[in-house]
Amino acid sequence: MTVVRLTPDDAVALQSIRREALLLHPTAFSADPEIESKLTANDWRERLKNRVWFGGKLDGGLCGMAAFSTEASSKTRHTGHLGSMYVRKDARGSGLADELMKAFVEHATLHVEQVVLTVEASNARAIKFYERHGFRTIGRTPRSLLVDGTYYDELQMFRTVSASD
């Protein structure tokens, strides 16, 4: 098991796992699979140049992902965002998610003071995972997602990552 920072060479593999995640777990991601299906491998190469993505690999294949991002504003640049956290079903329980989170937090600690994420409010497994990694719930957005005619709430979670904490 390895976790690496993905490069433009990983575009096709990332595109594949991301599409899988969006289709299998539509309430776990705010991205629209119909829009993302129109992205080309070159679009994904650009995404990999402009955003930090971590990939978890088992037996050489990409089995997990997590993305780190910040905003351009100097007012909010101290806050990082965790997005696109996903581990394929066959790799769940292997410790890969923990390794992805470890790599994410190590990177975040070098670049920001705190990290935020959103998670669908009924996703108990994900919430427990994030809590185990130091995140705490700070808010709830009702009706944040609309999937197939049903609304879903999202929780906002937060943790500090600065070296002094």
Foldseek 3Di string as FASTA:
>chain_A
DDKDWDALVCLVLVLVVLLVCCVVPVQFAQDDSVVSVPDDSVNSNVVSVVWTKMFFDDPRHTFWIWTWDWDPDPVTQQEIEIDDTDGHPVCPPVCRSVVNVVVVLVVSQVGHFKYKYKGFPVPVVVVVVVVVVPKDWDDKDWQPHADPNDGTMITMIMGTRHPVD
